[in-house]
Amino acid sequence: MAESLRDKLAKNTAAAPQARAAQTFTTTPTGGSTDRERSADRNNSRTTVYLSPDLRRRLKIAAANTDRTMNDILIEATETWLSAHDDT
């Protein structure tokens, strides 16, 4: 049976803060490389996106439920949108 979001959050908050941070940055999401590996790539750049609290919460829940990072979901959504609106 799939682990509920409540169970995931409870388990995550029970861990020591350093362990949670380590897990956050070392878990390999679906797609291969970690956020740390992507940020080390000199071809990538950082972009700030302002989200409403509700949209950010929904994105965070979706990421937790799919074992992906918020960054991966935003990249996928951006690529999908750009493909649909590609004028070239």
Foldseek 3Di string as FASTA:
>chain_A
DDDDPVRVVVVLVVDDPVVSVCCQQPDAAPPGDGPVVVVPPPVDDDDDDDDDPVVVVVLCNVCVRRVHDSVVVVVVVVVVVCVVVPPD
